[in-house]
Amino acid sequence: MKFVLASHNKGKLKEMAAILGELGIEVASLPEGAPEPEENGATFEENARIKAKAAADFTGLPAIADDSGLSVDALGGAPGIRPPATARERTRTAMRSC
């Protein structure tokens, strides 16, 4: 079985290939020119699904993706899932109200 990793991060590719290779699963890199989908999900999981679907649609292969970030309870969930600039502002606002 072969999957495409929905990332251009070579470190992630190496890690996933090592882990899944032990199970006989080949992990391919995302080809150059693959679209960078808008990560507009409400959760990290939704953003990972958006990236995986875009990679699968582009390559015709099943895809694996991830999305991550920080959500700090003491800061009201900031910085959260939003893009870095928005997250920075949310964090500043949350810290001012502490």
C-alpha atoms as a PDB file:
ATOM      1  CA  MET A   1       0.000   0.000   0.000  1.00  0.00           C
ATOM      2  CA  LYS A   2       1.177   3.537  -0.750  1.00  0.00           C
ATOM      3  CA  PHE A   3       0.141   6.876   0.799  1.00  0.00           C
ATOM      4  CA  VAL A   4       1.134  10.444   0.043  1.00  0.00           C
ATOM      5  CA  LEU A   5       2.077  12.706   2.955  1.00  0.00           C
ATOM      6  CA  ALA A   6       0.277  16.051   2.654  1.00  0.00           C
ATOM      7  CA  SER A   7       3.342  18.058   3.657  1.00  0.00           C
ATOM      8  CA  HIS A   8       6.546  19.377   2.117  1.00  0.00           C
ATOM      9  CA  ASN A   9       8.326  18.843   5.459  1.00  0.00           C
ATOM     10  CA  LYS A  10      11.141  16.368   4.778  1.00  0.00           C
ATOM     11  CA  GLY A  11      11.486  15.584   8.495  1.00  0.00           C
ATOM     12  CA  LYS A  12       7.843  14.536   8.734  1.00  0.00           C
ATOM     13  CA  LEU A  13       8.233  12.428   5.606  1.00  0.00           C
ATOM     14  CA  LYS A  14      11.254  10.643   7.069  1.00  0.00           C
ATOM     15  CA  GLU A  15       9.437   9.962  10.366  1.00  0.00           C
ATOM     16  CA  MET A  16       6.250   8.698   8.710  1.00  0.00           C
ATOM     17  CA  ALA A  17       8.184   6.546   6.237  1.00  0.00           C
ATOM     18  CA  ALA A  18      10.122   4.938   9.101  1.00  0.00           C
ATOM     19  CA  ILE A  19       7.009   4.263  11.186  1.00  0.00           C
ATOM     20  CA  LEU A  20       4.777   3.017   8.394  1.00  0.00           C
ATOM     21  CA  GLY A  21       7.578   1.287   6.518  1.00  0.00           C
ATOM     22  CA  GLU A  22       7.725  -1.252   9.340  1.00  0.00           C
ATOM     23  CA  LEU A  23       4.145  -2.164   8.387  1.00  0.00           C
ATOM     24  CA  GLY A  24       4.984  -2.471   4.699  1.00  0.00           C
ATOM     25  CA  ILE A  25       3.360   0.869   3.847  1.00  0.00           C
ATOM     26  CA  GLU A  26       5.171   3.197   1.449  1.00  0.00           C
ATOM     27  CA  VAL A  27       4.896   6.937   2.104  1.00  0.00           C
ATOM     28  CA  ALA A  28       5.474   9.260  -0.860  1.00  0.00           C
ATOM     29  CA  SER A  29       6.297  12.951  -0.695  1.00  0.00           C
ATOM     30  CA  LEU A  30       3.846  15.554  -1.895  1.00  0.00           C
ATOM     31  CA  PRO A  31       4.869  16.486  -5.448  1.00  0.00           C
ATOM     32  CA  GLU A  32       6.029  19.999  -6.296  1.00  0.00           C
ATOM     33  CA  GLY A  33       3.159  22.063  -7.637  1.00  0.00           C
ATOM     34  CA  ALA A  34       0.611  20.459  -5.323  1.00  0.00           C
ATOM     35  CA  PRO A  35      -1.944  23.028  -4.165  1.00  0.00           C
ATOM     36  CA  GLU A  36      -1.734  24.534  -0.688  1.00  0.00           C
ATOM     37  CA  PRO A  37      -5.370  24.425   0.422  1.00  0.00           C
ATOM     38  CA  GLU A  38      -6.875  27.097   2.637  1.00  0.00           C
ATOM     39  CA  GLU A  39      -6.892  25.721   6.169  1.00  0.00           C
ATOM     40  CA  ASN A  40     -10.230  27.142   7.224  1.00  0.00           C
ATOM     41  CA  GLY A  41     -11.462  24.331   9.451  1.00  0.00           C
ATOM     42  CA  ALA A  42     -12.781  24.978  12.935  1.00  0.00           C
ATOM     43  CA  THR A  43     -10.453  22.350  14.451  1.00  0.00           C
ATOM     44  CA  PHE A  44      -6.957  20.996  13.877  1.00  0.00           C
ATOM     45  CA  GLU A  45      -8.568  17.729  12.761  1.00  0.00           C
ATOM     46  CA  GLU A  46     -10.665  19.516  10.128  1.00  0.00           C
ATOM     47  CA  ASN A  47      -7.567  21.277   8.769  1.00  0.00           C
ATOM     48  CA  ALA A  48      -5.751  17.945   8.533  1.00  0.00           C
ATOM     49  CA  ARG A  49      -8.703  16.526   6.582  1.00  0.00           C
ATOM     50  CA  ILE A  50      -8.649  19.533   4.223  1.00  0.00           C
ATOM     51  CA  LYS A  51      -4.940  19.011   3.528  1.00  0.00           C
ATOM     52  CA  ALA A  52      -5.317  15.241   3.101  1.00  0.00           C
ATOM     53  CA  LYS A  53      -8.220  15.637   0.654  1.00  0.00           C
ATOM     54  CA  ALA A  54      -6.306  18.183  -1.436  1.00  0.00           C
ATOM     55  CA  ALA A  55      -3.249  15.890  -1.584  1.00  0.00           C
ATOM     56  CA  ALA A  56      -5.380  12.853  -2.464  1.00  0.00           C
ATOM     57  CA  ASP A  57      -7.246  14.760  -5.171  1.00  0.00           C
ATOM     58  CA  PHE A  58      -3.955  16.002  -6.663  1.00  0.00           C
ATOM     59  CA  THR A  59      -2.084  12.686  -6.608  1.00  0.00           C
ATOM     60  CA  GLY A  60      -4.819  10.087  -6.829  1.00  0.00           C
ATOM     61  CA  LEU A  61      -3.314   8.346  -3.782  1.00  0.00           C
ATOM     62  CA  PRO A  62      -4.699   7.983  -0.271  1.00  0.00           C
ATOM     63  CA  ALA A  63      -3.212  10.748   1.866  1.00  0.00           C
ATOM     64  CA  ILE A  64      -2.024  11.310   5.424  1.00  0.00           C
ATOM     65  CA  ALA A  65      -1.963  14.805   6.952  1.00  0.00           C
ATOM     66  CA  ASP A  66      -1.675  16.522  10.294  1.00  0.00           C
ATOM     67  CA  ASP A  67      -2.276  19.961  11.725  1.00  0.00           C
ATOM     68  CA  SER A  68      -1.175  21.271  15.079  1.00  0.00           C
ATOM     69  CA  GLY A  69      -0.897  24.330  17.229  1.00  0.00           C
ATOM     70  CA  LEU A  70      -1.323  25.562  20.771  1.00  0.00           C
ATOM     71  CA  SER A  71      -4.558  26.201  22.623  1.00  0.00           C
ATOM     72  CA  VAL A  72      -3.837  27.403  26.156  1.00  0.00           C
ATOM     73  CA  ASP A  73      -6.761  27.172  28.572  1.00  0.00           C
ATOM     74  CA  ALA A  74      -5.399  30.015  30.746  1.00  0.00           C
ATOM     75  CA  LEU A  75      -5.459  32.256  27.642  1.00  0.00           C
ATOM     76  CA  GLY A  76      -8.995  31.385  26.645  1.00  0.00           C
ATOM     77  CA  GLY A  77      -7.784  28.912  24.017  1.00  0.00           C
ATOM     78  CA  ALA A  78      -5.321  31.357  22.447  1.00  0.00           C
ATOM     79  CA  PRO A  79      -3.420  31.297  20.248  1.00  0.00           C
ATOM     80  CA  GLY A  80      -5.618  28.510  18.865  1.00  0.00           C
ATOM     81  CA  ILE A  81      -6.253  27.307  15.366  1.00  0.00           C
ATOM     82  CA  ARG A  82      -6.273  30.615  13.496  1.00  0.00           C
ATOM     83  CA  PRO A  83      -3.358  31.780  11.313  1.00  0.00           C
ATOM     84  CA  PRO A  84      -0.249  33.012  13.158  1.00  0.00           C
ATOM     85  CA  ALA A  85      -0.962  36.760  12.830  1.00  0.00           C
ATOM     86  CA  THR A  86      -4.502  36.332  14.144  1.00  0.00           C
ATOM     87  CA  ALA A  87      -3.268  33.982  16.854  1.00  0.00           C
ATOM     88  CA  ARG A  88      -0.644  36.505  18.012  1.00  0.00           C
ATOM     89  CA  GLU A  89      -3.291  39.192  18.409  1.00  0.00           C
ATOM     90  CA  ARG A  90      -5.641  36.820  20.260  1.00  0.00           C
ATOM     91  CA  THR A  91      -2.814  35.897  22.622  1.00  0.00           C
ATOM     92  CA  ARG A  92      -1.952  39.539  23.317  1.00  0.00           C
ATOM     93  CA  THR A  93      -5.607  40.345  23.997  1.00  0.00           C
ATOM     94  CA  ALA A  94      -6.017  37.323  26.268  1.00  0.00           C
ATOM     95  CA  MET A  95      -2.856  38.155  28.218  1.00  0.00           C
ATOM     96  CA  ARG A  96      -3.996  41.750  28.763  1.00  0.00           C
ATOM     97  CA  SER A  97      -7.215  40.494  30.355  1.00  0.00           C
ATOM     98  CA  CYS A  98      -5.408  38.178  32.845  1.00  0.00           C
END
